[in-house]
Amino acid sequence: MASIEQRIKMTANELEGRLANDNGVPRNIRKGAADAVNHLMDTSKATDLRISNAINVLADLSNDPNIPMESWSAIMQILADLESILKDVTN
């Protein structure tokens, strides 16, 4: 099984590929996704704080009434991945 840091990096890469760098996604969603990636990759903070900050950003994005269904689905999948990682970190 991959280490916590490897899982965080894979999730950040998925977030970048599916949302942050996709020009078909609205600008505010791309910016929020990029912010979440920045939180995940900020190794100066504790791992659980990095993940929690990214979860908060993505949860806010998921409540946007104008979000396309594909973007919402991607966010929900990534949120589930991050919550799983957070659970492993806190145990």
PDB file of N, CA and C in Angstrom:
ATOM      1  N   MET A   1       0.838  -1.181   0.000  1.00  0.00           N
ATOM      2  CA  MET A   1       0.000   0.000   0.000  1.00  0.00           C
ATOM      3  C   MET A   1       0.883   1.243   0.000  1.00  0.00           C
ATOM      4  N   ALA A   2       0.415   2.260  -0.684  1.00  0.00           N
ATOM      5  CA  ALA A   2       1.184   3.498  -0.804  1.00  0.00           C
ATOM      6  C   ALA A   2       1.200   4.237   0.535  1.00  0.00           C
ATOM      7  N   SER A   3       2.277   4.978   0.744  1.00  0.00           N
ATOM      8  CA  SER A   3       2.378   5.761   1.973  1.00  0.00           C
ATOM      9  C   SER A   3       1.369   6.915   1.935  1.00  0.00           C
ATOM     10  N   ILE A   4       1.171   7.535   3.081  1.00  0.00           N
ATOM     11  CA  ILE A   4       0.238   8.663   3.177  1.00  0.00           C
ATOM     12  C   ILE A   4       0.660   9.771   2.220  1.00  0.00           C
ATOM     13  N   GLU A   5       1.943  10.117   2.205  1.00  0.00           N
ATOM     14  CA  GLU A   5       2.418  11.192   1.321  1.00  0.00           C
ATOM     15  C   GLU A   5       2.211  10.850  -0.149  1.00  0.00           C
ATOM     16  N   GLN A   6       2.412   9.589  -0.507  1.00  0.00           N
ATOM     17  CA  GLN A   6       2.186   9.170  -1.890  1.00  0.00           C
ATOM     18  C   GLN A   6       0.714   9.283  -2.248  1.00  0.00           C
ATOM     19  N   ARG A   7      -0.156   8.907  -1.335  1.00  0.00           N
ATOM     20  CA  ARG A   7      -1.602   9.006  -1.577  1.00  0.00           C
ATOM     21  C   ARG A   7      -2.031  10.460  -1.709  1.00  0.00           C
ATOM     22  N   ILE A   8      -1.458  11.334  -0.883  1.00  0.00           N
ATOM     23  CA  ILE A   8      -1.769  12.768  -0.975  1.00  0.00           C
ATOM     24  C   ILE A   8      -1.326  13.297  -2.327  1.00  0.00           C
ATOM     25  N   LYS A   9      -0.127  12.933  -2.755  1.00  0.00           N
ATOM     26  CA  LYS A   9       0.397  13.407  -4.036  1.00  0.00           C
ATOM     27  C   LYS A   9      -0.460  12.889  -5.203  1.00  0.00           C
ATOM     28  N   MET A  10      -0.878  11.630  -5.148  1.00  0.00           N
ATOM     29  CA  MET A  10      -1.733  11.076  -6.208  1.00  0.00           C
ATOM     30  C   MET A  10      -3.074  11.809  -6.257  1.00  0.00           C
ATOM     31  N   THR A  11      -3.626  12.100  -5.091  1.00  0.00           N
ATOM     32  CA  THR A  11      -4.904  12.815  -5.036  1.00  0.00           C
ATOM     33  C   THR A  11      -4.740  14.234  -5.560  1.00  0.00           C
ATOM     34  N   ALA A  12      -3.644  14.889  -5.205  1.00  0.00           N
ATOM     35  CA  ALA A  12      -3.381  16.242  -5.706  1.00  0.00           C
ATOM     36  C   ALA A  12      -3.225  16.232  -7.227  1.00  0.00           C
ATOM     37  N   ASN A  13      -2.542  15.229  -7.753  1.00  0.00           N
ATOM     38  CA  ASN A  13      -2.378  15.112  -9.211  1.00  0.00           C
ATOM     39  C   ASN A  13      -3.728  14.894  -9.896  1.00  0.00           C
ATOM     40  N   GLU A  14      -4.571  14.079  -9.285  1.00  0.00           N
ATOM     41  CA  GLU A  14      -5.900  13.840  -9.849  1.00  0.00           C
ATOM     42  C   GLU A  14      -6.727  15.124  -9.822  1.00  0.00           C
ATOM     43  N   LEU A  15      -6.627  15.853  -8.740  1.00  0.00           N
ATOM     44  CA  LEU A  15      -7.339  17.119  -8.598  1.00  0.00           C
ATOM     45  C   LEU A  15      -6.885  18.123  -9.654  1.00  0.00           C
ATOM     46  N   GLU A  16      -5.591  18.190  -9.874  1.00  0.00           N
ATOM     47  CA  GLU A  16      -5.063  19.075 -10.926  1.00  0.00           C
ATOM     48  C   GLU A  16      -5.544  18.656 -12.300  1.00  0.00           C
ATOM     49  N   GLY A  17      -5.457  17.370 -12.582  1.00  0.00           N
ATOM     50  CA  GLY A  17      -5.817  16.880 -13.905  1.00  0.00           C
ATOM     51  C   GLY A  17      -7.298  16.983 -14.220  1.00  0.00           C
ATOM     52  N   ARG A  18      -8.142  16.708 -13.237  1.00  0.00           N
ATOM     53  CA  ARG A  18      -9.587  16.678 -13.482  1.00  0.00           C
ATOM     54  C   ARG A  18     -10.259  18.026 -13.338  1.00  0.00           C
ATOM     55  N   LEU A  19      -9.676  18.933 -12.547  1.00  0.00           N
ATOM     56  CA  LEU A  19     -10.358  20.201 -12.295  1.00  0.00           C
ATOM     57  C   LEU A  19      -9.476  21.432 -12.521  1.00  0.00           C
ATOM     58  N   ALA A  20      -8.323  21.481 -11.861  1.00  0.00           N
ATOM     59  CA  ALA A  20      -7.528  22.706 -11.846  1.00  0.00           C
ATOM     60  C   ALA A  20      -6.994  23.086 -13.227  1.00  0.00           C
ATOM     61  N   ASN A  21      -6.681  22.117 -14.062  1.00  0.00           N
ATOM     62  CA  ASN A  21      -6.089  22.407 -15.372  1.00  0.00           C
ATOM     63  C   ASN A  21      -7.040  22.151 -16.534  1.00  0.00           C
ATOM     64  N   ASP A  22      -8.324  21.979 -16.261  1.00  0.00           N
ATOM     65  CA  ASP A  22      -9.313  21.703 -17.298  1.00  0.00           C
ATOM     66  C   ASP A  22     -10.044  22.994 -17.656  1.00  0.00           C
ATOM     67  N   ASN A  23      -9.816  23.493 -18.862  1.00  0.00           N
ATOM     68  CA  ASN A  23     -10.431  24.748 -19.289  1.00  0.00           C
ATOM     69  C   ASN A  23     -11.945  24.647 -19.466  1.00  0.00           C
ATOM     70  N   GLY A  24     -12.491  23.440 -19.462  1.00  0.00           N
ATOM     71  CA  GLY A  24     -13.931  23.260 -19.550  1.00  0.00           C
ATOM     72  C   GLY A  24     -14.632  23.441 -18.211  1.00  0.00           C
ATOM     73  N   VAL A  25     -13.846  23.590 -17.161  1.00  0.00           N
ATOM     74  CA  VAL A  25     -14.381  23.777 -15.812  1.00  0.00           C
ATOM     75  C   VAL A  25     -14.434  25.284 -15.532  1.00  0.00           C
ATOM     76  N   PRO A  26     -15.511  25.758 -14.899  1.00  0.00           N
ATOM     77  CA  PRO A  26     -15.592  27.191 -14.591  1.00  0.00           C
ATOM     78  C   PRO A  26     -14.378  27.680 -13.788  1.00  0.00           C
ATOM     79  N   ARG A  27     -14.036  28.937 -14.010  1.00  0.00           N
ATOM     80  CA  ARG A  27     -12.829  29.532 -13.424  1.00  0.00           C
ATOM     81  C   ARG A  27     -12.802  29.439 -11.895  1.00  0.00           C
ATOM     82  N   ASN A  28     -13.933  29.701 -11.247  1.00  0.00           N
ATOM     83  CA  ASN A  28     -13.925  29.668  -9.778  1.00  0.00           C
ATOM     84  C   ASN A  28     -13.676  28.250  -9.249  1.00  0.00           C
ATOM     85  N   ILE A  29     -14.142  27.250  -9.980  1.00  0.00           N
ATOM     86  CA  ILE A  29     -13.907  25.863  -9.577  1.00  0.00           C
ATOM     87  C   ILE A  29     -12.435  25.513  -9.795  1.00  0.00           C
ATOM     88  N   ARG A  30     -11.862  25.946 -10.916  1.00  0.00           N
ATOM     89  CA  ARG A  30     -10.432  25.707 -11.179  1.00  0.00           C
ATOM     90  C   ARG A  30      -9.577  26.353 -10.099  1.00  0.00           C
ATOM     91  N   LYS A  31      -9.913  27.595  -9.721  1.00  0.00           N
ATOM     92  CA  LYS A  31      -9.142  28.296  -8.704  1.00  0.00           C
ATOM     93  C   LYS A  31      -9.252  27.580  -7.363  1.00  0.00           C
ATOM     94  N   GLY A  32     -10.450  27.172  -6.991  1.00  0.00           N
ATOM     95  CA  GLY A  32     -10.627  26.440  -5.743  1.00  0.00           C
ATOM     96  C   GLY A  32      -9.872  25.125  -5.732  1.00  0.00           C
ATOM     97  N   ALA A  33      -9.884  24.430  -6.856  1.00  0.00           N
ATOM     98  CA  ALA A  33      -9.147  23.170  -6.962  1.00  0.00           C
ATOM     99  C   ALA A  33      -7.647  23.419  -6.822  1.00  0.00           C
ATOM    100  N   ALA A  34      -7.157  24.496  -7.444  1.00  0.00           N
ATOM    101  CA  ALA A  34      -5.740  24.841  -7.328  1.00  0.00           C
ATOM    102  C   ALA A  34      -5.398  25.199  -5.876  1.00  0.00           C
ATOM    103  N   ASP A  35      -6.293  25.889  -5.192  1.00  0.00           N
ATOM    104  CA  ASP A  35      -6.080  26.212  -3.776  1.00  0.00           C
ATOM    105  C   ASP A  35      -6.007  24.933  -2.939  1.00  0.00           C
ATOM    106  N   ALA A  36      -6.889  23.986  -3.225  1.00  0.00           N
ATOM    107  CA  ALA A  36      -6.878  22.716  -2.496  1.00  0.00           C
ATOM    108  C   ALA A  36      -5.564  21.968  -2.737  1.00  0.00           C
ATOM    109  N   VAL A  37      -5.080  21.988  -3.973  1.00  0.00           N
ATOM    110  CA  VAL A  37      -3.795  21.353  -4.282  1.00  0.00           C
ATOM    111  C   VAL A  37      -2.679  22.028  -3.490  1.00  0.00           C
ATOM    112  N   ASN A  38      -2.709  23.357  -3.429  1.00  0.00           N
ATOM    113  CA  ASN A  38      -1.684  24.086  -2.670  1.00  0.00           C
ATOM    114  C   ASN A  38      -1.713  23.701  -1.193  1.00  0.00           C
ATOM    115  N   HIS A  39      -2.898  23.546  -0.638  1.00  0.00           N
ATOM    116  CA  HIS A  39      -3.003  23.101   0.760  1.00  0.00           C
ATOM    117  C   HIS A  39      -2.397  21.715   0.923  1.00  0.00           C
ATOM    118  N   LEU A  40      -2.716  20.818   0.000  1.00  0.00           N
ATOM    119  CA  LEU A  40      -2.211  19.450   0.108  1.00  0.00           C
ATOM    120  C   LEU A  40      -0.689  19.378   0.008  1.00  0.00           C
ATOM    121  N   MET A  41      -0.105  20.225  -0.807  1.00  0.00           N
ATOM    122  CA  MET A  41       1.331  20.151  -1.060  1.00  0.00           C
ATOM    123  C   MET A  41       2.165  21.014  -0.114  1.00  0.00           C
ATOM    124  N   ASP A  42       1.538  21.717   0.808  1.00  0.00           N
ATOM    125  CA  ASP A  42       2.234  22.590   1.757  1.00  0.00           C
ATOM    126  C   ASP A  42       2.798  21.761   2.906  1.00  0.00           C
ATOM    127  N   THR A  43       4.013  21.268   2.735  1.00  0.00           N
ATOM    128  CA  THR A  43       4.604  20.365   3.716  1.00  0.00           C
ATOM    129  C   THR A  43       5.073  21.073   4.986  1.00  0.00           C
ATOM    130  N   SER A  44       4.913  22.392   5.059  1.00  0.00           N
ATOM    131  CA  SER A  44       5.292  23.103   6.282  1.00  0.00           C
ATOM    132  C   SER A  44       4.227  22.943   7.376  1.00  0.00           C
ATOM    133  N   LYS A  45       3.080  22.394   7.020  1.00  0.00           N
ATOM    134  CA  LYS A  45       1.989  22.188   7.977  1.00  0.00           C
ATOM    135  C   LYS A  45       1.825  20.697   8.256  1.00  0.00           C
ATOM    136  N   ALA A  46       1.133  20.395   9.337  1.00  0.00           N
ATOM    137  CA  ALA A  46       0.866  19.005   9.702  1.00  0.00           C
ATOM    138  C   ALA A  46      -0.005  18.341   8.635  1.00  0.00           C
ATOM    139  N   THR A  47       0.188  17.055   8.442  1.00  0.00           N
ATOM    140  CA  THR A  47      -0.523  16.318   7.404  1.00  0.00           C
ATOM    141  C   THR A  47      -2.030  16.400   7.578  1.00  0.00           C
ATOM    142  N   ASP A  48      -2.522  16.218   8.798  1.00  0.00           N
ATOM    143  CA  ASP A  48      -3.967  16.255   8.999  1.00  0.00           C
ATOM    144  C   ASP A  48      -4.543  17.641   8.728  1.00  0.00           C
ATOM    145  N   LEU A  49      -3.787  18.698   9.033  1.00  0.00           N
ATOM    146  CA  LEU A  49      -4.236  20.055   8.751  1.00  0.00           C
ATOM    147  C   LEU A  49      -4.277  20.317   7.246  1.00  0.00           C
ATOM    148  N   ARG A  50      -3.275  19.837   6.525  1.00  0.00           N
ATOM    149  CA  ARG A  50      -3.237  19.997   5.063  1.00  0.00           C
ATOM    150  C   ARG A  50      -4.462  19.355   4.425  1.00  0.00           C
ATOM    151  N   ILE A  51      -4.761  18.130   4.840  1.00  0.00           N
ATOM    152  CA  ILE A  51      -5.889  17.406   4.271  1.00  0.00           C
ATOM    153  C   ILE A  51      -7.202  18.083   4.649  1.00  0.00           C
ATOM    154  N   SER A  52      -7.334  18.481   5.909  1.00  0.00           N
ATOM    155  CA  SER A  52      -8.564  19.136   6.370  1.00  0.00           C
ATOM    156  C   SER A  52      -8.819  20.442   5.630  1.00  0.00           C
ATOM    157  N   ASN A  53      -7.769  21.226   5.404  1.00  0.00           N
ATOM    158  CA  ASN A  53      -7.924  22.480   4.664  1.00  0.00           C
ATOM    159  C   ASN A  53      -8.398  22.222   3.237  1.00  0.00           C
ATOM    160  N   ALA A  54      -7.816  21.216   2.597  1.00  0.00           N
ATOM    161  CA  ALA A  54      -8.224  20.873   1.224  1.00  0.00           C
ATOM    162  C   ALA A  54      -9.673  20.388   1.208  1.00  0.00           C
ATOM    163  N   ILE A  55     -10.056  19.589   2.190  1.00  0.00           N
ATOM    164  CA  ILE A  55     -11.438  19.107   2.276  1.00  0.00           C
ATOM    165  C   ILE A  55     -12.398  20.281   2.411  1.00  0.00           C
ATOM    166  N   ASN A  56     -12.055  21.249   3.252  1.00  0.00           N
ATOM    167  CA  ASN A  56     -12.920  22.418   3.438  1.00  0.00           C
ATOM    168  C   ASN A  56     -13.109  23.201   2.146  1.00  0.00           C
ATOM    169  N   VAL A  57     -12.029  23.406   1.410  1.00  0.00           N
ATOM    170  CA  VAL A  57     -12.110  24.138   0.138  1.00  0.00           C
ATOM    171  C   VAL A  57     -13.013  23.383  -0.840  1.00  0.00           C
ATOM    172  N   LEU A  58     -12.799  22.077  -0.966  1.00  0.00           N
ATOM    173  CA  LEU A  58     -13.580  21.286  -1.911  1.00  0.00           C
ATOM    174  C   LEU A  58     -15.040  21.175  -1.493  1.00  0.00           C
ATOM    175  N   ALA A  59     -15.298  21.095  -0.192  1.00  0.00           N
ATOM    176  CA  ALA A  59     -16.680  21.040   0.284  1.00  0.00           C
ATOM    177  C   ALA A  59     -17.410  22.330  -0.067  1.00  0.00           C
ATOM    178  N   ASP A  60     -16.726  23.464   0.075  1.00  0.00           N
ATOM    179  CA  ASP A  60     -17.327  24.743  -0.320  1.00  0.00           C
ATOM    180  C   ASP A  60     -17.625  24.763  -1.816  1.00  0.00           C
ATOM    181  N   LEU A  61     -16.697  24.257  -2.612  1.00  0.00           N
ATOM    182  CA  LEU A  61     -16.911  24.222  -4.066  1.00  0.00           C
ATOM    183  C   LEU A  61     -18.094  23.335  -4.434  1.00  0.00           C
ATOM    184  N   SER A  62     -18.266  22.251  -3.733  1.00  0.00           N
ATOM    185  CA  SER A  62     -19.337  21.308  -4.075  1.00  0.00           C
ATOM    186  C   SER A  62     -20.724  21.900  -3.843  1.00  0.00           C
ATOM    187  N   ASN A  63     -20.795  22.960  -3.038  1.00  0.00           N
ATOM    188  CA  ASN A  63     -22.074  23.606  -2.760  1.00  0.00           C
ATOM    189  C   ASN A  63     -22.410  24.726  -3.736  1.00  0.00           C
ATOM    190  N   ASP A  64     -21.529  24.993  -4.694  1.00  0.00           N
ATOM    191  CA  ASP A  64     -21.778  26.023  -5.698  1.00  0.00           C
ATOM    192  C   ASP A  64     -22.946  25.584  -6.582  1.00  0.00           C
ATOM    193  N   PRO A  65     -24.000  26.405  -6.676  1.00  0.00           N
ATOM    194  CA  PRO A  65     -25.179  25.984  -7.459  1.00  0.00           C
ATOM    195  C   PRO A  65     -24.914  25.914  -8.971  1.00  0.00           C
ATOM    196  N   ASN A  66     -23.841  26.534  -9.444  1.00  0.00           N
ATOM    197  CA  ASN A  66     -23.561  26.558 -10.880  1.00  0.00           C
ATOM    198  C   ASN A  66     -22.508  25.544 -11.308  1.00  0.00           C
ATOM    199  N   ILE A  67     -22.134  24.637 -10.431  1.00  0.00           N
ATOM    200  CA  ILE A  67     -21.084  23.679 -10.766  1.00  0.00           C
ATOM    201  C   ILE A  67     -21.623  22.634 -11.748  1.00  0.00           C
ATOM    202  N   PRO A  68     -20.860  22.347 -12.796  1.00  0.00           N
ATOM    203  CA  PRO A  68     -21.281  21.285 -13.726  1.00  0.00           C
ATOM    204  C   PRO A  68     -21.281  19.921 -13.022  1.00  0.00           C
ATOM    205  N   MET A  69     -22.165  19.052 -13.446  1.00  0.00           N
ATOM    206  CA  MET A  69     -22.306  17.742 -12.803  1.00  0.00           C
ATOM    207  C   MET A  69     -21.006  16.941 -12.843  1.00  0.00           C
ATOM    208  N   GLU A  70     -20.257  17.020 -13.948  1.00  0.00           N
ATOM    209  CA  GLU A  70     -18.999  16.266 -14.043  1.00  0.00           C
ATOM    210  C   GLU A  70     -18.005  16.754 -12.997  1.00  0.00           C
ATOM    211  N   SER A  71     -17.937  18.074 -12.804  1.00  0.00           N
ATOM    212  CA  SER A  71     -17.017  18.646 -11.816  1.00  0.00           C
ATOM    213  C   SER A  71     -17.458  18.263 -10.411  1.00  0.00           C
ATOM    214  N   TRP A  72     -18.761  18.297 -10.165  1.00  0.00           N
ATOM    215  CA  TRP A  72     -19.284  17.930  -8.853  1.00  0.00           C
ATOM    216  C   TRP A  72     -18.941  16.474  -8.537  1.00  0.00           C
ATOM    217  N   SER A  73     -19.101  15.607  -9.526  1.00  0.00           N
ATOM    218  CA  SER A  73     -18.780  14.188  -9.333  1.00  0.00           C
ATOM    219  C   SER A  73     -17.301  13.992  -9.016  1.00  0.00           C
ATOM    220  N   ALA A  74     -16.445  14.714  -9.731  1.00  0.00           N
ATOM    221  CA  ALA A  74     -15.001  14.619  -9.493  1.00  0.00           C
ATOM    222  C   ALA A  74     -14.672  15.095  -8.079  1.00  0.00           C
ATOM    223  N   ILE A  75     -15.287  16.195  -7.663  1.00  0.00           N
ATOM    224  CA  ILE A  75     -15.038  16.718  -6.321  1.00  0.00           C
ATOM    225  C   ILE A  75     -15.480  15.708  -5.268  1.00  0.00           C
ATOM    226  N   MET A  76     -16.642  15.113  -5.461  1.00  0.00           N
ATOM    227  CA  MET A  76     -17.142  14.134  -4.489  1.00  0.00           C
ATOM    228  C   MET A  76     -16.211  12.924  -4.377  1.00  0.00           C
ATOM    229  N   GLN A  77     -15.702  12.467  -5.512  1.00  0.00           N
ATOM    230  CA  GLN A  77     -14.784  11.327  -5.490  1.00  0.00           C
ATOM    231  C   GLN A  77     -13.485  11.701  -4.773  1.00  0.00           C
ATOM    232  N   ILE A  78     -12.960  12.878  -5.063  1.00  0.00           N
ATOM    233  CA  ILE A  78     -11.718  13.322  -4.432  1.00  0.00           C
ATOM    234  C   ILE A  78     -11.928  13.567  -2.942  1.00  0.00           C
ATOM    235  N   LEU A  79     -13.091  14.111  -2.576  1.00  0.00           N
ATOM    236  CA  LEU A  79     -13.401  14.291  -1.153  1.00  0.00           C
ATOM    237  C   LEU A  79     -13.402  12.947  -0.421  1.00  0.00           C
ATOM    238  N   ALA A  80     -13.985  11.942  -1.028  1.00  0.00           N
ATOM    239  CA  ALA A  80     -14.007  10.612  -0.421  1.00  0.00           C
ATOM    240  C   ALA A  80     -12.585  10.077  -0.234  1.00  0.00           C
ATOM    241  N   ASP A  81     -11.738  10.286  -1.253  1.00  0.00           N
ATOM    242  CA  ASP A  81     -10.342   9.850  -1.159  1.00  0.00           C
ATOM    243  C   ASP A  81      -9.625  10.573  -0.019  1.00  0.00           C
ATOM    244  N   LEU A  82      -9.826  11.892   0.068  1.00  0.00           N
ATOM    245  CA  LEU A  82      -9.158  12.674   1.109  1.00  0.00           C
ATOM    246  C   LEU A  82      -9.646  12.282   2.502  1.00  0.00           C
ATOM    247  N   GLU A  83     -10.933  12.022   2.637  1.00  0.00           N
ATOM    248  CA  GLU A  83     -11.460  11.612   3.942  1.00  0.00           C
ATOM    249  C   GLU A  83     -10.904  10.257   4.354  1.00  0.00           C
ATOM    250  N   SER A  84     -10.700   9.385   3.384  1.00  0.00           N
ATOM    251  CA  SER A  84     -10.089   8.085   3.671  1.00  0.00           C
ATOM    252  C   SER A  84      -8.644   8.263   4.135  1.00  0.00           C
ATOM    253  N   ILE A  85      -7.908   9.135   3.458  1.00  0.00           N
ATOM    254  CA  ILE A  85      -6.519   9.397   3.850  1.00  0.00           C
ATOM    255  C   ILE A  85      -6.482  10.014   5.248  1.00  0.00           C
ATOM    256  N   LEU A  86      -7.374  10.975   5.496  1.00  0.00           N
ATOM    257  CA  LEU A  86      -7.424  11.638   6.805  1.00  0.00           C
ATOM    258  C   LEU A  86      -7.717  10.622   7.907  1.00  0.00           C
ATOM    259  N   LYS A  87      -8.599   9.697   7.635  1.00  0.00           N
ATOM    260  CA  LYS A  87      -8.920   8.655   8.606  1.00  0.00           C
ATOM    261  C   LYS A  87      -7.687   7.827   8.924  1.00  0.00           C
ATOM    262  N   ASP A  88      -6.904   7.494   7.897  1.00  0.00           N
ATOM    263  CA  ASP A  88      -5.683   6.717   8.102  1.00  0.00           C
ATOM    264  C   ASP A  88      -4.631   7.523   8.865  1.00  0.00           C
ATOM    265  N   VAL A  89      -4.588   8.829   8.657  1.00  0.00           N
ATOM    266  CA  VAL A  89      -3.621   9.683   9.349  1.00  0.00           C
ATOM    267  C   VAL A  89      -3.950   9.777  10.824  1.00  0.00           C
ATOM    268  N   THR A  90      -5.230   9.902  11.133  1.00  0.00           N
ATOM    269  CA  THR A  90      -5.628  10.112  12.525  1.00  0.00           C
ATOM    270  C   THR A  90      -5.701   8.824  13.338  1.00  0.00           C
ATOM    271  N   ASN A  91      -5.565   7.691  12.690  1.00  0.00           N
ATOM    272  CA  ASN A  91      -5.586   6.402  13.423  1.00  0.00           C
ATOM    273  C   ASN A  91      -4.202   5.933  13.746  1.00  0.00           C
TER     274      ASN A  91
END
